[in-house]
Amino acid sequence: MTDFERKVYRIIFNMTRFGKNPSMEQLKRKTGKDEQAIRDAVKNLMRERMLKWDKKKKDWVI
C-alpha cells in the first residue's frame, strides 16, 4: 500500500466510522489530488481487499 493509498483509506475509514460517505469533492480537497489519482487508489485498495463497496447499503465495508 502506497502512502497515498493509505491516506485515502484513512479518510474513508474515519468518515464511515461516523456514518458519512466521503464524496469525490471531499476526497479531492482532503488529499490535494485529482479525481483520476483517487479512483486509481480506491481501485487498488479494492483489489487488495482493503475496501469493499456494499451496493445494497451504499456504504463502504472496511
N, C-alpha and C. Protein backbone atom coordinates (compact mmCIF):
# COMPACT_ATOMS: atom_id res chain seq x y z
N MET A 1 0.86 -1.17 0.00
CA MET A 1 0.00 0.00 0.00
C MET A 1 0.91 1.24 0.00
N THR A 2 0.66 2.13 -0.93
CA THR A 2 1.46 3.36 -1.01
C THR A 2 0.98 4.35 0.04
N ASP A 3 1.75 5.41 0.22
CA ASP A 3 1.36 6.44 1.19
C ASP A 3 0.04 7.10 0.80
N PHE A 4 -0.13 7.34 -0.49
CA PHE A 4 -1.37 7.97 -0.94
C PHE A 4 -2.57 7.04 -0.73
N GLU A 5 -2.41 5.75 -1.02
CA GLU A 5 -3.49 4.79 -0.79
C GLU A 5 -3.83 4.73 0.70
N ARG A 6 -2.81 4.77 1.54
CA ARG A 6 -3.03 4.76 2.98
C ARG A 6 -3.80 6.00 3.42
N LYS A 7 -3.48 7.13 2.83
CA LYS A 7 -4.18 8.38 3.16
C LYS A 7 -5.65 8.30 2.76
N VAL A 8 -5.92 7.82 1.56
CA VAL A 8 -7.30 7.68 1.09
C VAL A 8 -8.05 6.69 1.98
N TYR A 9 -7.40 5.58 2.33
CA TYR A 9 -8.02 4.58 3.19
C TYR A 9 -8.39 5.18 4.55
N ARG A 10 -7.48 5.93 5.14
CA ARG A 10 -7.74 6.52 6.46
C ARG A 10 -8.88 7.54 6.40
N ILE A 11 -8.95 8.32 5.33
CA ILE A 11 -10.05 9.29 5.18
C ILE A 11 -11.37 8.55 5.09
N ILE A 12 -11.44 7.53 4.24
CA ILE A 12 -12.68 6.76 4.09
C ILE A 12 -13.02 6.06 5.40
N PHE A 13 -12.03 5.46 6.05
CA PHE A 13 -12.26 4.75 7.31
C PHE A 13 -12.81 5.69 8.37
N ASN A 14 -12.17 6.83 8.55
CA ASN A 14 -12.60 7.76 9.60
C ASN A 14 -13.97 8.36 9.33
N MET A 15 -14.28 8.66 8.08
CA MET A 15 -15.58 9.24 7.77
C MET A 15 -16.71 8.22 7.89
N THR A 16 -16.47 6.98 7.43
CA THR A 16 -17.52 5.97 7.52
C THR A 16 -17.74 5.54 8.96
N ARG A 17 -16.75 5.69 9.78
CA ARG A 17 -16.88 5.36 11.20
C ARG A 17 -17.96 6.21 11.87
N PHE A 18 -18.15 7.41 11.36
CA PHE A 18 -19.16 8.31 11.90
C PHE A 18 -20.40 8.39 11.01
N GLY A 19 -20.57 7.40 10.12
CA GLY A 19 -21.77 7.29 9.32
C GLY A 19 -21.85 8.19 8.11
N LYS A 20 -20.71 8.64 7.61
CA LYS A 20 -20.69 9.51 6.44
C LYS A 20 -19.87 8.86 5.33
N ASN A 21 -20.34 9.01 4.11
CA ASN A 21 -19.56 8.58 2.95
C ASN A 21 -18.88 9.80 2.35
N PRO A 22 -17.56 9.78 2.21
CA PRO A 22 -16.90 10.94 1.61
C PRO A 22 -17.22 11.05 0.13
N SER A 23 -17.50 12.25 -0.32
CA SER A 23 -17.74 12.48 -1.74
C SER A 23 -16.40 12.66 -2.44
N MET A 24 -16.44 12.63 -3.75
CA MET A 24 -15.22 12.84 -4.53
C MET A 24 -14.65 14.23 -4.25
N GLU A 25 -15.53 15.21 -4.12
CA GLU A 25 -15.07 16.58 -3.84
C GLU A 25 -14.35 16.64 -2.49
N GLN A 26 -14.88 15.95 -1.49
CA GLN A 26 -14.23 15.93 -0.18
C GLN A 26 -12.88 15.24 -0.26
N LEU A 27 -12.81 14.14 -0.99
CA LEU A 27 -11.54 13.44 -1.14
C LEU A 27 -10.52 14.29 -1.89
N LYS A 28 -10.97 15.00 -2.92
CA LYS A 28 -10.05 15.87 -3.66
C LYS A 28 -9.53 16.98 -2.76
N ARG A 29 -10.40 17.56 -1.94
CA ARG A 29 -10.00 18.64 -1.05
C ARG A 29 -9.05 18.14 0.04
N LYS A 30 -9.33 16.97 0.61
CA LYS A 30 -8.52 16.46 1.71
C LYS A 30 -7.17 15.90 1.26
N THR A 31 -7.10 15.38 0.02
CA THR A 31 -5.84 14.79 -0.46
C THR A 31 -5.03 15.75 -1.32
N GLY A 32 -5.70 16.67 -1.98
CA GLY A 32 -5.00 17.58 -2.87
C GLY A 32 -4.67 16.96 -4.21
N LYS A 33 -5.28 15.83 -4.53
CA LYS A 33 -5.03 15.12 -5.79
C LYS A 33 -6.24 15.22 -6.69
N ASP A 34 -6.05 14.84 -7.95
CA ASP A 34 -7.16 14.89 -8.91
C ASP A 34 -8.00 13.62 -8.83
N GLU A 35 -9.12 13.64 -9.51
CA GLU A 35 -10.09 12.54 -9.45
C GLU A 35 -9.50 11.22 -9.93
N GLN A 36 -8.71 11.24 -10.99
CA GLN A 36 -8.15 10.00 -11.54
C GLN A 36 -7.21 9.34 -10.55
N ALA A 37 -6.40 10.11 -9.86
CA ALA A 37 -5.46 9.54 -8.88
C ALA A 37 -6.23 8.90 -7.72
N ILE A 38 -7.31 9.54 -7.30
CA ILE A 38 -8.13 8.99 -6.21
C ILE A 38 -8.81 7.71 -6.66
N ARG A 39 -9.36 7.71 -7.88
CA ARG A 39 -10.01 6.50 -8.40
C ARG A 39 -9.02 5.34 -8.49
N ASP A 40 -7.81 5.62 -8.95
CA ASP A 40 -6.79 4.57 -9.05
C ASP A 40 -6.44 4.02 -7.66
N ALA A 41 -6.33 4.90 -6.67
CA ALA A 41 -6.00 4.46 -5.31
C ALA A 41 -7.12 3.59 -4.75
N VAL A 42 -8.38 3.99 -4.97
CA VAL A 42 -9.52 3.21 -4.46
C VAL A 42 -9.59 1.86 -5.17
N LYS A 43 -9.34 1.85 -6.48
CA LYS A 43 -9.34 0.57 -7.21
C LYS A 43 -8.28 -0.37 -6.67
N ASN A 44 -7.09 0.16 -6.38
CA ASN A 44 -6.03 -0.67 -5.82
C ASN A 44 -6.40 -1.19 -4.44
N LEU A 45 -7.03 -0.35 -3.63
CA LEU A 45 -7.46 -0.79 -2.31
C LEU A 45 -8.53 -1.87 -2.40
N MET A 46 -9.41 -1.74 -3.38
CA MET A 46 -10.44 -2.76 -3.57
C MET A 46 -9.82 -4.06 -4.09
N ARG A 47 -8.82 -3.94 -4.95
CA ARG A 47 -8.12 -5.11 -5.46
C ARG A 47 -7.40 -5.86 -4.35
N GLU A 48 -6.83 -5.10 -3.40
CA GLU A 48 -6.13 -5.69 -2.26
C GLU A 48 -7.10 -6.13 -1.16
N ARG A 49 -8.39 -5.95 -1.39
CA ARG A 49 -9.45 -6.32 -0.45
C ARG A 49 -9.38 -5.55 0.86
N MET A 50 -8.89 -4.32 0.78
CA MET A 50 -8.90 -3.44 1.96
C MET A 50 -10.23 -2.70 2.06
N LEU A 51 -10.85 -2.45 0.91
CA LEU A 51 -12.14 -1.77 0.84
C LEU A 51 -13.09 -2.60 0.00
N LYS A 52 -14.38 -2.48 0.32
CA LYS A 52 -15.41 -3.11 -0.48
C LYS A 52 -16.63 -2.21 -0.45
N TRP A 53 -17.30 -2.07 -1.58
CA TRP A 53 -18.49 -1.24 -1.68
C TRP A 53 -19.73 -2.12 -1.56
N ASP A 54 -20.59 -1.85 -0.58
CA ASP A 54 -21.83 -2.59 -0.41
C ASP A 54 -22.91 -1.88 -1.23
N LYS A 55 -23.34 -2.51 -2.31
CA LYS A 55 -24.30 -1.88 -3.23
C LYS A 55 -25.67 -1.69 -2.59
N LYS A 56 -26.08 -2.61 -1.74
CA LYS A 56 -27.40 -2.50 -1.12
C LYS A 56 -27.45 -1.36 -0.11
N LYS A 57 -26.44 -1.29 0.74
CA LYS A 57 -26.41 -0.23 1.77
C LYS A 57 -25.84 1.08 1.24
N LYS A 58 -25.18 1.00 0.08
CA LYS A 58 -24.46 2.15 -0.50
C LYS A 58 -23.50 2.73 0.52
N ASP A 59 -22.64 1.84 1.01
CA ASP A 59 -21.69 2.21 2.05
C ASP A 59 -20.42 1.38 1.88
N TRP A 60 -19.31 1.88 2.42
CA TRP A 60 -18.05 1.16 2.37
C TRP A 60 -18.03 0.09 3.45
N VAL A 61 -17.44 -1.06 3.12
CA VAL A 61 -17.20 -2.12 4.10
C VAL A 61 -15.69 -2.19 4.28
N ILE A 62 -15.27 -2.01 5.52
CA ILE A 62 -13.83 -1.97 5.81
C ILE A 62 -13.46 -3.17 6.65
